[in-house]
Each structure stands twice: as structure tokens, then as C-alpha cells.
Amino acid sequence: MAKSEFIREFWLFLKTNKKFWLLPIVLCLLGLGLLIVLTQGSALAPFIYTVF
């Protein structure tokens, strides 16, 4: 319940303050974080870290 409420409030913040440029930044950061977490224990980890 708290996660959906956070997403809803974040969307209302973006809409009311017209800060839609923040959405791609947040999505990219979430994607990179997810990529690092998912490849942490795999054999692909050394190759992912060389990208950064």
C-alpha cells in the first residue's frame, strides 16, 4: 500500500509542479539500480561494471 501511495504522490508532484523532466532521470536511475542488483551474483557482473 505504501509503495503505490508513494508512486501516486510522486506523479501528483510531477503534474502539479510541471517537473516532467524528472521522470526519465528517475526511471534511468531505477533501471541502473535494478541492473546492478540483478547481476550482482552472476558471471556478468565484471562486464556490467566496466560499462560504468
PDB file of N, CA and C in Angstrom:
ATOM      1  N   MET A   1       0.828  -1.191   0.000  1.00  0.00           N
ATOM      2  CA  MET A   1       0.000   0.000   0.000  1.00  0.00           C
ATOM      3  C   MET A   1       0.870   1.252   0.000  1.00  0.00           C
ATOM      4  N   ALA A   2       1.941   1.257   0.762  1.00  0.00           N
ATOM      5  CA  ALA A   2       2.779   2.444   0.859  1.00  0.00           C
ATOM      6  C   ALA A   2       3.495   2.724  -0.459  1.00  0.00           C
ATOM      7  N   LYS A   3       3.874   1.651  -1.184  1.00  0.00           N
ATOM      8  CA  LYS A   3       4.575   1.847  -2.454  1.00  0.00           C
ATOM      9  C   LYS A   3       3.662   2.509  -3.486  1.00  0.00           C
ATOM     10  N   SER A   4       2.427   2.062  -3.565  1.00  0.00           N
ATOM     11  CA  SER A   4       1.509   2.654  -4.536  1.00  0.00           C
ATOM     12  C   SER A   4       1.170   4.092  -4.148  1.00  0.00           C
ATOM     13  N   GLU A   5       1.112   4.357  -2.860  1.00  0.00           N
ATOM     14  CA  GLU A   5       0.843   5.721  -2.412  1.00  0.00           C
ATOM     15  C   GLU A   5       2.016   6.642  -2.755  1.00  0.00           C
ATOM     16  N   PHE A   6       3.226   6.141  -2.613  1.00  0.00           N
ATOM     17  CA  PHE A   6       4.404   6.931  -2.961  1.00  0.00           C
ATOM     18  C   PHE A   6       4.414   7.259  -4.447  1.00  0.00           C
ATOM     19  N   ILE A   7       4.105   6.275  -5.270  1.00  0.00           N
ATOM     20  CA  ILE A   7       4.084   6.485  -6.719  1.00  0.00           C
ATOM     21  C   ILE A   7       3.009   7.498  -7.097  1.00  0.00           C
ATOM     22  N   ARG A   8       1.855   7.391  -6.457  1.00  0.00           N
ATOM     23  CA  ARG A   8       0.762   8.326  -6.745  1.00  0.00           C
ATOM     24  C   ARG A   8       1.137   9.746  -6.340  1.00  0.00           C
ATOM     25  N   GLU A   9       1.741   9.904  -5.166  1.00  0.00           N
ATOM     26  CA  GLU A   9       2.138  11.233  -4.719  1.00  0.00           C
ATOM     27  C   GLU A   9       3.255  11.801  -5.589  1.00  0.00           C
ATOM     28  N   PHE A  10       4.174  10.943  -6.030  1.00  0.00           N
ATOM     29  CA  PHE A  10       5.236  11.404  -6.908  1.00  0.00           C
ATOM     30  C   PHE A  10       4.655  11.882  -8.225  1.00  0.00           C
ATOM     31  N   TRP A  11       3.693  11.144  -8.756  1.00  0.00           N
ATOM     32  CA  TRP A  11       3.057  11.550 -10.015  1.00  0.00           C
ATOM     33  C   TRP A  11       2.312  12.878  -9.836  1.00  0.00           C
ATOM     34  N   LEU A  12       1.613  13.050  -8.717  1.00  0.00           N
ATOM     35  CA  LEU A  12       0.913  14.315  -8.468  1.00  0.00           C
ATOM     36  C   LEU A  12       1.905  15.468  -8.332  1.00  0.00           C
ATOM     37  N   PHE A  13       3.047  15.215  -7.713  1.00  0.00           N
ATOM     38  CA  PHE A  13       4.084  16.234  -7.610  1.00  0.00           C
ATOM     39  C   PHE A  13       4.576  16.653  -8.985  1.00  0.00           C
ATOM     40  N   LEU A  14       4.842  15.659  -9.845  1.00  0.00           N
ATOM     41  CA  LEU A  14       5.307  15.968 -11.194  1.00  0.00           C
ATOM     42  C   LEU A  14       4.259  16.772 -11.972  1.00  0.00           C
ATOM     43  N   LYS A  15       3.008  16.386 -11.808  1.00  0.00           N
ATOM     44  CA  LYS A  15       1.939  17.023 -12.555  1.00  0.00           C
ATOM     45  C   LYS A  15       1.674  18.451 -12.074  1.00  0.00           C
ATOM     46  N   THR A  16       1.634  18.646 -10.770  1.00  0.00           N
ATOM     47  CA  THR A  16       1.306  19.978 -10.263  1.00  0.00           C
ATOM     48  C   THR A  16       2.457  20.961 -10.425  1.00  0.00           C
ATOM     49  N   ASN A  17       3.680  20.499 -10.294  1.00  0.00           N
ATOM     50  CA  ASN A  17       4.831  21.400 -10.403  1.00  0.00           C
ATOM     51  C   ASN A  17       5.432  21.430 -11.803  1.00  0.00           C
ATOM     52  N   LYS A  18       4.834  20.694 -12.725  1.00  0.00           N
ATOM     53  CA  LYS A  18       5.294  20.632 -14.117  1.00  0.00           C
ATOM     54  C   LYS A  18       6.788  20.279 -14.195  1.00  0.00           C
ATOM     55  N   LYS A  19       7.158  19.235 -13.494  1.00  0.00           N
ATOM     56  CA  LYS A  19       8.541  18.748 -13.462  1.00  0.00           C
ATOM     57  C   LYS A  19       8.644  17.407 -14.183  1.00  0.00           C
ATOM     58  N   PHE A  20       8.056  17.313 -15.362  1.00  0.00           N
ATOM     59  CA  PHE A  20       8.053  16.050 -16.097  1.00  0.00           C
ATOM     60  C   PHE A  20       9.444  15.629 -16.549  1.00  0.00           C
ATOM     61  N   TRP A  21      10.394  16.555 -16.563  1.00  0.00           N
ATOM     62  CA  TRP A  21      11.757  16.219 -16.954  1.00  0.00           C
ATOM     63  C   TRP A  21      12.429  15.333 -15.913  1.00  0.00           C
ATOM     64  N   LEU A  22      11.886  15.260 -14.696  1.00  0.00           N
ATOM     65  CA  LEU A  22      12.442  14.388 -13.664  1.00  0.00           C
ATOM     66  C   LEU A  22      12.136  12.916 -13.908  1.00  0.00           C
ATOM     67  N   LEU A  23      11.053  12.630 -14.609  1.00  0.00           N
ATOM     68  CA  LEU A  23      10.624  11.246 -14.806  1.00  0.00           C
ATOM     69  C   LEU A  23      11.659  10.391 -15.540  1.00  0.00           C
ATOM     70  N   PRO A  24      12.251  10.829 -16.655  1.00  0.00           N
ATOM     71  CA  PRO A  24      13.276   9.990 -17.298  1.00  0.00           C
ATOM     72  C   PRO A  24      14.508   9.777 -16.420  1.00  0.00           C
ATOM     73  N   ILE A  25      14.874  10.773 -15.645  1.00  0.00           N
ATOM     74  CA  ILE A  25      16.034  10.641 -14.764  1.00  0.00           C
ATOM     75  C   ILE A  25      15.767   9.579 -13.702  1.00  0.00           C
ATOM     76  N   VAL A  26      14.603   9.631 -13.090  1.00  0.00           N
ATOM     77  CA  VAL A  26      14.248   8.667 -12.049  1.00  0.00           C
ATOM     78  C   VAL A  26      14.161   7.261 -12.637  1.00  0.00           C
ATOM     79  N   LEU A  27      13.576   7.128 -13.818  1.00  0.00           N
ATOM     80  CA  LEU A  27      13.459   5.808 -14.441  1.00  0.00           C
ATOM     81  C   LEU A  27      14.826   5.235 -14.802  1.00  0.00           C
ATOM     82  N   CYS A  28      15.733   6.079 -15.293  1.00  0.00           N
ATOM     83  CA  CYS A  28      17.086   5.595 -15.611  1.00  0.00           C
ATOM     84  C   CYS A  28      17.823   5.159 -14.356  1.00  0.00           C
ATOM     85  N   LEU A  29      17.705   5.917 -13.292  1.00  0.00           N
ATOM     86  CA  LEU A  29      18.361   5.539 -12.037  1.00  0.00           C
ATOM     87  C   LEU A  29      17.791   4.238 -11.477  1.00  0.00           C
ATOM     88  N   LEU A  30      16.482   4.074 -11.559  1.00  0.00           N
ATOM     89  CA  LEU A  30      15.873   2.823 -11.101  1.00  0.00           C
ATOM     90  C   LEU A  30      16.316   1.646 -11.963  1.00  0.00           C
ATOM     91  N   GLY A  31      16.396   1.859 -13.267  1.00  0.00           N
ATOM     92  CA  GLY A  31      16.846   0.800 -14.168  1.00  0.00           C
ATOM     93  C   GLY A  31      18.288   0.400 -13.904  1.00  0.00           C
ATOM     94  N   LEU A  32      19.165   1.371 -13.710  1.00  0.00           N
ATOM     95  CA  LEU A  32      20.567   1.063 -13.415  1.00  0.00           C
ATOM     96  C   LEU A  32      20.707   0.352 -12.077  1.00  0.00           C
ATOM     97  N   GLY A  33      19.954   0.791 -11.095  1.00  0.00           N
ATOM     98  CA  GLY A  33      19.986   0.122  -9.800  1.00  0.00           C
ATOM     99  C   GLY A  33      19.499  -1.310  -9.881  1.00  0.00           C
ATOM    100  N   LEU A  34      18.445  -1.521 -10.639  1.00  0.00           N
ATOM    101  CA  LEU A  34      17.924  -2.875 -10.830  1.00  0.00           C
ATOM    102  C   LEU A  34      18.917  -3.750 -11.574  1.00  0.00           C
ATOM    103  N   LEU A  35      19.582  -3.186 -12.571  1.00  0.00           N
ATOM    104  CA  LEU A  35      20.592  -3.932 -13.319  1.00  0.00           C
ATOM    105  C   LEU A  35      21.744  -4.361 -12.416  1.00  0.00           C
ATOM    106  N   ILE A  36      22.198  -3.481 -11.563  1.00  0.00           N
ATOM    107  CA  ILE A  36      23.298  -3.802 -10.654  1.00  0.00           C
ATOM    108  C   ILE A  36      22.876  -4.860  -9.645  1.00  0.00           C
ATOM    109  N   VAL A  37      21.673  -4.742  -9.116  1.00  0.00           N
ATOM    110  CA  VAL A  37      21.199  -5.717  -8.124  1.00  0.00           C
ATOM    111  C   VAL A  37      21.018  -7.093  -8.758  1.00  0.00           C
ATOM    112  N   LEU A  38      20.470  -7.144  -9.961  1.00  0.00           N
ATOM    113  CA  LEU A  38      20.206  -8.438 -10.589  1.00  0.00           C
ATOM    114  C   LEU A  38      21.475  -9.140 -11.063  1.00  0.00           C
ATOM    115  N   THR A  39      22.503  -8.403 -11.420  1.00  0.00           N
ATOM    116  CA  THR A  39      23.725  -9.031 -11.917  1.00  0.00           C
ATOM    117  C   THR A  39      24.807  -9.127 -10.856  1.00  0.00           C
ATOM    118  N   GLN A  40      24.476  -8.837  -9.632  1.00  0.00           N
ATOM    119  CA  GLN A  40      25.460  -8.807  -8.555  1.00  0.00           C
ATOM    120  C   GLN A  40      26.135 -10.166  -8.340  1.00  0.00           C
ATOM    121  N   GLY A  41      25.389 -11.224  -8.365  1.00  0.00           N
ATOM    122  CA  GLY A  41      25.962 -12.528  -8.085  1.00  0.00           C
ATOM    123  C   GLY A  41      26.227 -13.368  -9.313  1.00  0.00           C
ATOM    124  N   SER A  42      26.128 -12.783 -10.473  1.00  0.00           N
ATOM    125  CA  SER A  42      26.276 -13.599 -11.684  1.00  0.00           C
ATOM    126  C   SER A  42      27.655 -13.426 -12.306  1.00  0.00           C
ATOM    127  N   ALA A  43      27.910 -14.190 -13.345  1.00  0.00           N
ATOM    128  CA  ALA A  43      29.178 -14.105 -14.062  1.00  0.00           C
ATOM    129  C   ALA A  43      29.240 -12.858 -14.932  1.00  0.00           C
ATOM    130  N   LEU A  44      28.121 -12.197 -15.143  1.00  0.00           N
ATOM    131  CA  LEU A  44      28.094 -10.987 -15.961  1.00  0.00           C
ATOM    132  C   LEU A  44      28.517  -9.743 -15.195  1.00  0.00           C
ATOM    133  N   ALA A  45      28.639  -9.827 -13.885  1.00  0.00           N
ATOM    134  CA  ALA A  45      28.943  -8.654 -13.071  1.00  0.00           C
ATOM    135  C   ALA A  45      30.205  -7.921 -13.496  1.00  0.00           C
ATOM    136  N   PRO A  46      31.331  -8.592 -13.779  1.00  0.00           N
ATOM    137  CA  PRO A  46      32.520  -7.822 -14.191  1.00  0.00           C
ATOM    138  C   PRO A  46      32.308  -7.049 -15.494  1.00  0.00           C
ATOM    139  N   PHE A  47      31.492  -7.578 -16.399  1.00  0.00           N
ATOM    140  CA  PHE A  47      31.251  -6.909 -17.661  1.00  0.00           C
ATOM    141  C   PHE A  47      30.324  -5.714 -17.499  1.00  0.00           C
ATOM    142  N   ILE A  48      29.358  -5.813 -16.569  1.00  0.00           N
ATOM    143  CA  ILE A  48      28.446  -4.700 -16.319  1.00  0.00           C
ATOM    144  C   ILE A  48      29.211  -3.549 -15.688  1.00  0.00           C
ATOM    145  N   TYR A  49      30.112  -3.829 -14.752  1.00  0.00           N
ATOM    146  CA  TYR A  49      30.831  -2.766 -14.067  1.00  0.00           C
ATOM    147  C   TYR A  49      31.810  -2.039 -14.974  1.00  0.00           C
ATOM    148  N   THR A  50      32.286  -2.684 -16.037  1.00  0.00           N
ATOM    149  CA  THR A  50      33.184  -1.985 -16.948  1.00  0.00           C
ATOM    150  C   THR A  50      32.447  -0.957 -17.797  1.00  0.00           C
ATOM    151  N   VAL A  51      31.140  -1.102 -17.921  1.00  0.00           N
ATOM    152  CA  VAL A  51      30.351  -0.125 -18.668  1.00  0.00           C
ATOM    153  C   VAL A  51      30.363   1.227 -17.948  1.00  0.00           C
ATOM    154  N   PHE A  52      30.386   1.191 -16.620  1.00  0.00           N
ATOM    155  CA  PHE A  52      30.338   2.422 -15.843  1.00  0.00           C
ATOM    156  C   PHE A  52      31.735   2.914 -15.580  1.00  0.00           C
TER     157      PHE A  52
END
